[in-house]
Every structure is written in C-alpha cells, then in structure tokens.
N, C-alpha and C. Protein backbone atom coordinates (compact mmCIF):
# COMPACT_ATOMS: atom_id res chain seq x y z
N MET A 1 30.05 48.60 103.97
CA MET A 1 28.92 48.67 104.40
C MET A 1 27.69 49.42 103.60
N ASP A 2 27.06 49.34 102.94
CA ASP A 2 26.29 49.94 101.86
C ASP A 2 25.01 50.24 102.71
N ALA A 3 24.69 51.23 102.52
CA ALA A 3 23.12 51.81 102.81
C ALA A 3 22.17 50.34 103.12
N ARG A 4 21.14 50.28 103.87
CA ARG A 4 20.42 49.84 104.57
C ARG A 4 18.86 50.11 103.07
N PHE A 5 19.32 50.72 103.22
CA PHE A 5 17.31 51.38 102.62
C PHE A 5 18.12 52.51 102.40
N ASN A 6 17.31 52.96 101.54
CA ASN A 6 17.45 54.15 100.52
C ASN A 6 16.36 55.56 101.46
N MET A 7 16.28 55.99 102.11
CA MET A 7 15.46 57.07 102.63
C MET A 7 14.38 58.32 101.47
N PHE A 8 15.29 58.33 100.56
CA PHE A 8 15.61 59.06 99.48
C PHE A 8 14.39 58.55 98.42
N ASP A 9 14.53 57.35 98.56
CA ASP A 9 13.88 56.36 96.72
C ASP A 9 12.12 56.82 97.11
N ASN A 10 12.06 56.16 98.53
CA ASN A 10 10.98 55.51 99.08
C ASN A 10 9.55 56.85 99.13
N GLU A 11 8.84 56.21 98.55
CA GLU A 11 7.83 57.42 99.00
C GLU A 11 7.35 58.05 100.43
N LEU A 12 6.87 56.74 100.97
CA LEU A 12 6.72 57.23 101.95
C LEU A 12 7.45 57.61 103.34
N ALA A 13 8.87 57.23 102.48
CA ALA A 13 10.21 58.00 103.81
C ALA A 13 9.95 59.28 103.23
N THR A 14 10.15 59.43 101.53
CA THR A 14 10.12 60.75 101.51
C THR A 14 8.92 61.35 101.68
N ARG A 15 7.86 61.64 101.83
CA ARG A 15 6.97 62.11 102.36
C ARG A 15 6.97 62.46 104.01
N PHE A 16 8.04 61.45 104.53
CA PHE A 16 7.88 62.03 106.02
C PHE A 16 9.22 62.76 105.92
N ALA A 17 10.37 62.40 105.15
CA ALA A 17 11.52 63.26 105.45
C ALA A 17 10.88 64.77 104.80
N LYS A 18 10.20 65.03 103.80
CA LYS A 18 9.58 66.96 103.44
C LYS A 18 9.16 67.41 105.03
N ARG A 19 8.14 66.65 105.67
CA ARG A 19 7.71 66.51 106.69
C ARG A 19 9.14 67.44 107.83
N PHE A 20 9.68 66.15 107.93
CA PHE A 20 10.48 66.35 109.09
C PHE A 20 12.22 67.87 108.49
N ALA A 21 12.07 67.88 107.37
CA ALA A 21 12.51 68.63 106.87
C ALA A 21 12.00 70.46 106.92
N ASN A 22 10.49 70.22 107.23
CA ASN A 22 9.63 71.80 107.26
C ASN A 22 9.77 71.88 108.73
N THR A 23 10.02 70.94 109.32
CA THR A 23 9.92 71.13 111.06
C THR A 23 11.16 71.64 110.97
N GLY A 24 12.11 71.19 110.87
CA GLY A 24 14.02 72.16 110.81
C GLY A 24 13.70 73.40 110.69
N LEU A 25 13.08 73.89 108.98
CA LEU A 25 12.59 75.53 108.44
C LEU A 25 12.05 75.97 109.97
N VAL A 26 11.84 76.14 110.82
CA VAL A 26 11.40 76.61 111.81
C VAL A 26 12.52 76.79 113.06
N ILE A 27 13.29 76.42 113.28
CA ILE A 27 14.71 76.17 113.86
C ILE A 27 15.34 77.50 112.99
N GLU A 28 15.33 77.07 111.39
CA GLU A 28 16.00 77.83 110.63
C GLU A 28 16.05 79.36 110.67
N GLN A 29 14.50 79.95 110.87
CA GLN A 29 13.85 80.78 110.52
C GLN A 29 14.11 81.31 112.22
N SER A 30 14.30 80.90 113.49
CA SER A 30 14.64 81.46 114.46
C SER A 30 15.54 82.15 114.95
N PRO A 31 15.11 82.70 115.96
CA PRO A 31 16.86 83.96 116.15
C PRO A 31 17.86 83.40 116.52
N LEU A 32 17.87 81.90 116.82
CA LEU A 32 19.16 81.41 117.40
C LEU A 32 20.54 81.41 116.27
N PRO A 33 21.58 81.76 116.45
CA PRO A 33 22.26 81.85 115.48
C PRO A 33 22.79 80.55 114.42
N LYS A 34 22.88 80.97 113.54
CA LYS A 34 23.38 79.84 112.53
C LYS A 34 24.29 79.11 112.94
N SER A 35 25.53 79.91 113.57
CA SER A 35 27.06 79.15 113.62
C SER A 35 26.48 78.26 114.75
N THR A 36 25.82 78.51 115.94
CA THR A 36 25.28 77.77 117.29
C THR A 36 24.65 76.45 116.82
N ARG A 37 23.62 76.62 115.70
CA ARG A 37 22.87 75.41 115.38
C ARG A 37 23.66 74.70 114.56
N GLU A 38 24.61 75.01 113.82
CA GLU A 38 25.99 74.06 113.06
C GLU A 38 26.66 73.49 113.71
N LEU A 39 26.78 74.09 115.31
CA LEU A 39 27.90 73.26 115.97
C LEU A 39 27.02 73.03 117.14
N VAL A 40 25.56 72.58 116.90
CA VAL A 40 24.92 72.25 117.97
C VAL A 40 24.93 70.49 116.85
N SER A 41 24.44 70.59 115.49
CA SER A 41 23.65 69.78 115.23
C SER A 41 25.59 68.93 115.02
N LEU A 42 26.68 69.57 114.84
CA LEU A 42 27.31 68.77 114.99
C LEU A 42 27.82 67.50 115.87
N ARG A 43 27.98 68.66 116.88
CA ARG A 43 28.43 67.64 118.03
C ARG A 43 27.52 66.75 118.55
N ALA A 44 25.76 67.11 118.58
CA ALA A 44 25.26 65.53 118.72
C ALA A 44 25.63 64.77 118.21
N SER A 45 25.51 65.06 116.58
CA SER A 45 26.01 64.06 115.25
C SER A 45 27.17 62.75 115.59
N GLN A 46 28.59 63.70 116.00
CA GLN A 46 29.77 63.39 117.37
C GLN A 46 28.92 62.22 117.42
N ILE A 47 28.72 62.63 119.19
CA ILE A 47 28.43 62.03 119.68
C ILE A 47 27.18 60.43 119.13
N ASN A 48 26.08 60.68 118.33
CA ASN A 48 25.48 59.85 117.94
C ASN A 48 26.24 58.73 116.89
N GLY A 49 27.51 59.12 116.35
CA GLY A 49 28.10 58.14 115.34
C GLY A 49 27.71 58.19 113.78
N CYS A 50 27.12 59.60 113.66
CA CYS A 50 26.16 59.87 112.30
C CYS A 50 26.45 60.43 111.28
N GLY A 51 27.54 59.77 110.42
CA GLY A 51 28.87 60.21 109.79
C GLY A 51 27.59 61.01 108.46
N TRP A 52 26.96 60.95 108.25
CA TRP A 52 25.68 61.53 107.51
C TRP A 52 25.76 63.00 108.05
N CYS A 53 25.40 63.44 108.93
CA CYS A 53 25.12 64.22 110.29
C CYS A 53 26.39 65.06 110.16
N ILE A 54 27.10 64.47 110.60
CA ILE A 54 28.27 65.38 110.63
C ILE A 54 29.13 65.43 109.36
N ASP A 55 28.98 65.16 108.30
CA ASP A 55 29.35 65.39 106.63
C ASP A 55 28.74 66.64 106.48
N CYS A 56 27.35 66.31 106.41
CA CYS A 56 26.55 67.60 106.61
C CYS A 56 26.41 68.95 107.11
N HIS A 57 26.23 68.44 108.59
CA HIS A 57 26.57 69.51 109.31
C HIS A 57 28.39 70.34 109.78
N THR A 58 29.04 69.76 109.08
CA THR A 58 30.74 70.28 108.62
C THR A 58 30.41 71.12 107.93
N LYS A 59 29.89 70.56 106.36
CA LYS A 59 29.79 71.29 105.36
C LYS A 59 29.05 72.87 105.11
N GLU A 60 27.89 72.40 105.93
CA GLU A 60 27.19 73.70 105.80
C GLU A 60 27.79 74.79 106.80
N ALA A 61 28.67 74.04 108.02
CA ALA A 61 28.90 74.80 108.49
C ALA A 61 30.29 75.76 107.97
N ALA A 62 31.06 75.31 107.69
CA ALA A 62 31.79 75.85 106.29
C ALA A 62 31.13 76.82 105.55
N ALA A 63 30.53 76.56 104.91
CA ALA A 63 29.90 77.34 104.11
C ALA A 63 29.20 78.78 104.41
N ALA A 64 28.90 78.31 105.84
CA ALA A 64 28.28 79.79 106.45
C ALA A 64 29.30 80.89 106.80
N GLY A 65 30.72 80.22 106.64
CA GLY A 65 31.81 80.77 107.41
C GLY A 65 32.64 80.38 108.53
N GLU A 66 31.97 79.48 108.79
CA GLU A 66 32.78 78.95 110.08
C GLU A 66 34.25 78.65 109.72
N THR A 67 35.06 78.82 110.54
CA THR A 67 36.43 78.02 110.48
C THR A 67 36.37 77.10 110.98
N ALA A 68 37.46 76.33 109.52
CA ALA A 68 38.63 74.98 110.07
C ALA A 68 38.54 74.08 111.20
N VAL A 69 39.21 75.21 112.33
CA VAL A 69 39.64 75.56 113.31
C VAL A 69 38.62 75.05 114.83
N ARG A 70 37.50 75.75 114.61
CA ARG A 70 36.44 75.52 115.27
C ARG A 70 35.91 74.25 115.48
N LEU A 71 35.63 73.85 113.65
CA LEU A 71 34.99 72.65 113.07
C LEU A 71 36.28 71.42 113.68
N HIS A 72 37.23 71.72 113.60
CA HIS A 72 37.78 70.26 114.22
C HIS A 72 38.25 70.26 115.71
N LEU A 73 37.68 71.38 116.10
CA LEU A 73 37.39 71.09 118.04
C LEU A 73 36.41 71.29 118.64
N VAL A 74 35.27 70.48 117.72
CA VAL A 74 33.76 70.45 118.69
C VAL A 74 33.89 69.50 119.10
N ALA A 75 34.57 68.47 118.92
CA ALA A 75 34.50 67.23 119.40
C ALA A 75 35.02 67.74 120.98
N ALA A 76 36.10 67.98 121.21
CA ALA A 76 37.04 69.03 122.25
C ALA A 76 36.53 70.18 122.85
N TRP A 77 35.39 70.64 122.92
CA TRP A 77 35.04 71.92 122.99
C TRP A 77 35.54 72.47 124.46
N ARG A 78 35.48 71.39 125.68
CA ARG A 78 35.88 71.79 126.89
C ARG A 78 37.42 72.14 127.08
N GLU A 79 38.26 71.47 126.39
CA GLU A 79 39.13 71.76 126.10
C GLU A 79 39.62 73.03 125.13
N SER A 80 38.94 73.53 124.86
CA SER A 80 39.22 74.60 123.73
C SER A 80 39.21 76.12 123.70
N THR A 81 39.67 76.59 123.55
CA THR A 81 39.39 78.52 123.71
C THR A 81 38.87 78.79 122.89
N VAL A 82 38.31 78.53 121.75
CA VAL A 82 37.65 78.65 119.71
C VAL A 82 36.61 79.47 120.62
N PHE A 83 35.55 78.88 121.65
CA PHE A 83 34.51 78.99 121.69
C PHE A 83 33.61 79.61 122.23
N THR A 84 32.60 80.60 122.68
CA THR A 84 32.16 81.84 123.06
C THR A 84 31.44 81.11 124.31
N GLU A 85 31.09 81.72 125.26
CA GLU A 85 30.62 81.48 126.68
C GLU A 85 29.09 80.75 126.06
N ALA A 86 28.79 81.56 125.22
CA ALA A 86 26.88 80.95 124.94
C ALA A 86 26.91 79.81 124.09
N GLU A 87 28.08 79.47 123.48
CA GLU A 87 28.07 78.45 122.37
C GLU A 87 28.78 77.32 123.29
N ARG A 88 29.51 77.93 124.65
CA ARG A 88 29.62 76.16 125.13
C ARG A 88 28.32 75.97 125.94
N ALA A 89 27.84 76.80 126.20
CA ALA A 89 26.80 76.52 127.01
C ALA A 89 25.73 75.64 125.90
N ALA A 90 25.34 76.15 124.40
CA ALA A 90 24.80 75.46 123.39
C ALA A 90 25.40 74.03 123.72
N LEU A 91 26.81 74.02 123.30
CA LEU A 91 27.01 72.55 123.44
C LEU A 91 26.98 71.75 124.30
N ALA A 92 26.98 72.18 125.79
CA ALA A 92 26.93 71.57 127.11
C ALA A 92 25.40 70.92 126.74
N LEU A 93 24.40 71.49 126.70
CA LEU A 93 23.04 71.62 126.33
C LEU A 93 22.75 69.86 125.35
N ALA A 94 23.62 70.32 124.02
CA ALA A 94 23.63 69.67 123.36
C ALA A 94 23.89 68.49 123.83
N GLU A 95 25.08 68.17 124.67
CA GLU A 95 26.23 66.88 124.93
C GLU A 95 24.73 66.17 125.99
N GLU A 96 24.21 67.30 126.48
CA GLU A 96 23.86 66.21 128.09
C GLU A 96 21.91 65.64 127.41
N GLY A 97 21.30 66.60 126.38
CA GLY A 97 20.27 66.82 125.39
C GLY A 97 20.71 65.02 125.15
N THR A 98 21.94 64.90 124.26
CA THR A 98 21.67 64.10 123.50
C THR A 98 21.84 62.59 124.31
N ARG A 99 22.74 62.37 125.20
CA ARG A 99 23.13 61.58 126.19
C ARG A 99 22.36 61.38 127.34
N LEU A 100 21.15 61.32 126.87
CA LEU A 100 20.05 61.17 127.92
C LEU A 100 20.00 59.68 129.16
N ALA A 101 20.77 58.79 128.57
CA ALA A 101 20.52 57.12 129.01
C ALA A 101 21.73 57.79 129.90
N ASP A 102 22.99 58.48 129.83
CA ASP A 102 23.96 58.18 130.42
C ASP A 102 23.92 59.27 131.20
N ALA A 103 22.86 60.12 131.44
CA ALA A 103 22.81 61.04 132.65
C ALA A 103 21.31 60.96 133.19
N HIS A 104 21.08 60.25 133.76
CA HIS A 104 19.50 59.72 134.82
C HIS A 104 18.90 60.97 135.02
N GLN A 105 19.36 62.00 135.49
CA GLN A 105 19.21 63.44 135.59
C GLN A 105 18.34 63.92 133.88
N GLY A 106 19.14 64.02 133.03
CA GLY A 106 18.87 64.74 131.51
C GLY A 106 20.07 66.27 131.72
N VAL A 107 19.42 67.00 131.35
CA VAL A 107 20.69 67.86 131.02
C VAL A 107 20.47 69.28 132.67
N SER A 108 21.53 68.92 132.97
CA SER A 108 21.51 69.10 134.66
C SER A 108 21.60 70.76 134.81
N ASP A 109 21.06 71.01 136.03
CA ASP A 109 20.35 72.55 136.56
C ASP A 109 21.44 73.44 136.05
N GLU A 110 23.26 73.21 135.83
CA GLU A 110 24.07 74.31 136.09
C GLU A 110 24.10 74.44 134.59
N THR A 111 24.10 73.28 133.87
CA THR A 111 23.97 73.49 132.41
C THR A 111 22.62 74.32 131.96
N TRP A 112 21.30 74.33 132.64
CA TRP A 112 19.85 75.21 132.20
C TRP A 112 20.66 76.46 132.37
N ALA A 113 21.10 76.28 133.61
CA ALA A 113 21.70 78.34 133.98
C ALA A 113 22.38 78.98 133.17
N GLN A 114 23.16 78.41 132.49
CA GLN A 114 24.24 78.52 131.61
C GLN A 114 23.44 79.04 130.01
N VAL A 115 22.55 78.11 130.03
CA VAL A 115 21.67 78.57 128.93
C VAL A 115 20.98 79.59 128.61
N ARG A 116 20.25 79.78 130.16
CA ARG A 116 19.59 80.58 130.27
C ARG A 116 20.11 82.31 130.50
N GLU A 117 21.20 82.13 130.84
CA GLU A 117 22.03 83.10 130.82
C GLU A 117 22.43 83.70 129.57
N HIS A 118 22.48 83.51 128.48
CA HIS A 118 23.28 83.54 126.94
C HIS A 118 22.03 83.58 126.21
N TYR A 119 20.73 82.93 126.37
CA TYR A 119 19.51 83.05 125.56
C TYR A 119 18.51 83.30 126.01
N ASP A 120 17.80 83.87 125.27
CA ASP A 120 16.17 84.29 125.25
C ASP A 120 15.13 82.99 125.24
N ASP A 121 14.19 83.82 125.12
CA ASP A 121 12.92 82.40 125.75
C ASP A 121 12.87 81.82 123.92
N ASP A 122 12.95 82.64 122.93
CA ASP A 122 12.57 82.13 121.56
C ASP A 122 14.15 81.38 120.67
N GLN A 123 14.82 81.68 121.57
CA GLN A 123 16.43 80.86 120.98
C GLN A 123 16.60 79.87 122.41
N ILE A 124 15.95 79.71 123.12
CA ILE A 124 15.81 78.14 124.16
C ILE A 124 15.13 77.28 123.63
N ALA A 125 13.88 78.10 122.93
CA ALA A 125 12.41 76.87 122.00
C ALA A 125 13.45 76.49 121.18
N ALA A 126 13.89 77.29 120.37
CA ALA A 126 14.99 76.72 119.08
C ALA A 126 16.24 75.42 119.45
N LEU A 127 16.63 76.68 120.49
CA LEU A 127 17.96 74.51 121.35
C LEU A 127 17.39 73.38 121.50
N VAL A 128 16.07 74.03 122.33
CA VAL A 128 15.92 72.57 123.00
C VAL A 128 15.24 71.49 121.48
N SER A 129 14.38 72.79 120.47
CA SER A 129 13.91 71.74 119.19
C SER A 129 14.90 71.29 118.63
N LEU A 130 16.00 71.93 117.98
CA LEU A 130 17.11 71.58 117.70
C LEU A 130 17.51 70.20 117.96
N VAL A 131 18.64 69.87 119.12
CA VAL A 131 18.65 69.08 119.60
C VAL A 131 17.83 67.56 120.09
N ALA A 132 16.28 67.91 120.38
CA ALA A 132 15.47 66.32 119.33
C ALA A 132 16.10 66.29 117.81
N LEU A 133 15.78 67.65 116.72
CA LEU A 133 15.59 67.17 115.99
C LEU A 133 16.91 66.17 115.40
N ILE A 134 17.50 67.15 115.62
CA ILE A 134 19.51 66.21 115.12
C ILE A 134 19.30 65.27 116.35
N ASN A 135 19.00 64.79 117.06
CA ASN A 135 18.73 63.70 117.59
C ASN A 135 18.36 62.32 116.75
N ALA A 136 16.87 62.64 116.22
CA ALA A 136 16.00 61.95 115.91
C ALA A 136 16.88 62.00 114.21
N ALA A 137 17.17 62.92 114.12
CA ALA A 137 17.92 62.56 112.41
C ALA A 137 19.17 61.66 112.03
N ASN A 138 19.38 61.67 113.43
CA ASN A 138 21.06 60.97 113.57
C ASN A 138 20.56 59.37 113.82
N ARG A 139 19.18 58.91 114.35
CA ARG A 139 18.82 57.71 114.07
C ARG A 139 17.99 57.28 112.77
N LEU A 140 17.53 58.19 112.39
CA LEU A 140 17.18 57.90 111.24
C LEU A 140 18.45 57.65 110.17
N ALA A 141 19.36 58.20 110.53
CA ALA A 141 20.49 57.79 109.42
C ALA A 141 21.17 56.86 109.18
N VAL A 142 21.47 56.93 111.23
CA VAL A 142 22.24 55.39 111.45
C VAL A 142 21.20 53.97 111.37
N ILE A 143 20.37 53.87 111.71
CA ILE A 143 19.47 52.79 111.03
C ILE A 143 19.54 52.37 109.96
N VAL A 144 19.92 53.26 108.88
CA VAL A 144 19.89 52.73 108.04
C VAL A 144 21.24 53.27 107.10
N HIS A 145 21.96 52.85 108.20
CA HIS A 145 23.07 53.19 107.29
C HIS A 145 23.97 53.96 106.70
N GLN A 146 23.14 55.61 106.39
CA GLN A 146 23.32 56.14 106.07
C GLN A 146 24.62 56.97 105.51
N LYS A 147 25.77 57.09 104.65
CA LYS A 147 26.91 57.17 104.76
C LYS A 147 27.40 58.82 104.30
N GLY A 148 28.10 59.71 105.21
CA GLY A 148 29.39 60.68 104.72
C GLY A 148 29.76 60.33 103.95
N GLY A 149 29.95 61.32 103.43
CA GLY A 149 30.82 61.79 102.28
C GLY A 149 30.12 62.33 100.77
N SER A 150 29.00 62.30 100.65
CA SER A 150 28.47 62.21 99.29
C SER A 150 28.16 63.93 99.25
N TYR A 151 27.99 64.24 100.51
CA TYR A 151 26.41 65.78 101.07
C TYR A 151 27.69 66.69 100.85
N GLU A 152 26.22 67.71 99.49
CA GLU A 152 26.73 69.06 99.07
C GLU A 152 26.25 70.35 99.56
N PRO A 153 26.70 71.28 99.78
CA PRO A 153 26.23 72.45 101.02
C PRO A 153 24.91 72.65 100.40
N GLY A 154 23.57 72.85 100.42
CA GLY A 154 22.52 73.11 100.36
C GLY A 154 21.86 72.08 99.54
N MET A 155 22.39 70.95 99.98
CA MET A 155 21.79 69.72 99.13
C MET A 155 20.31 69.12 99.84
N PHE A 156 20.47 68.86 100.73
CA PHE A 156 19.15 68.44 101.79
C PHE A 156 17.58 69.47 101.10
N ALA A 157 17.80 70.75 101.87
CA ALA A 157 17.28 72.27 101.71
C ALA A 157 16.69 71.64 100.08
N ALA A 158 17.33 71.60 99.08
CA ALA A 158 17.36 71.53 97.63
C ALA A 158 16.64 70.54 97.30
N ALA A 159 16.10 69.40 97.40
CA ALA A 159 16.04 68.11 97.56
C ALA A 159 14.56 67.98 97.86
N PHE A 160 14.20 69.03 99.17
CA PHE A 160 12.35 69.14 100.05
C PHE A 160 11.78 70.35 99.33
N ASN A 161 12.72 71.46 98.24
CA ASN A 161 11.66 72.39 98.57
C ASN A 161 11.08 71.95 97.40
C-alpha cells in the first residue's frame, strides 16, 4: 500500500510539520535521557502500529548507541532484564498514556508513583509531553499510510532546520 498523501510535499502540511518538529526540540533539550526518549517513542509507535515512527526511533536510538538487544526487547520490556527501573517506569507510562481508550482511568496511580520515584519535575514534564507528541506523530503517519523503511538517522531534524 502506498502513502495516501505526502505530508512532506504539501505547503500547509510542511508548515505544520516544522512547528510540530520545533515542539519536539523542547523535549530534546530537556534533561530526560535520550535513550529513554527513544525507548518511549519506540514503544508507543509499536502499540500504534506506526511503521514510519518505529523505523525512525529504532534507527535514531541505534545511532545514539542503543544496543540491538534492548531495541528488540522493547515490545516485551516487562519480560526482559535489560531495562532499568526508571526506564520501566517510563515505558509503563508510555503504554498507559498511549492506551487511554483501553484503560478507563488512564495512567494508573502505581505507574505515576514509579515515574515520580525516578524522575524530577522537568523530566516528568518532558516525559508526559513526549507521550502526547509521539502519539500525535503516530496518528499523522498512520492516517496517511507513511511507510517505514527509508528513514536515515538525523533525516527528520535536517529536513526542518
């Protein structure tokens, strides 16, 4: 199946994408570790079935030094030993924040307490914003059938600078 619409060739969509990407710069410049940002983005993208974002965040994480073992185990992080307690809290928040329709209460008090235990206020602000942003990005890409496979590390950032 081909993409329905090229978000990168339309003037209005490109203007939106530039502003959307600039929003992500706030998170990128936050004290939330890059590895955590990429793992969270990857997990939400897996849940949402977004091939473009899975491709992007897997490659960005690998380029930043993330191991293949950890990347392969993100989808089964609960059954894995390779993630820190802080990363596990972030992944739980990503899952619960992504599956809002599946969990009538949204993010559980237990998950929120784990996040509070491992992250300071600025990191939490970045983490919550990241979950919202990656879910929006997933929806954009899935709606237009943006396919994964062609992403190169740094490509998206370079396109909007």
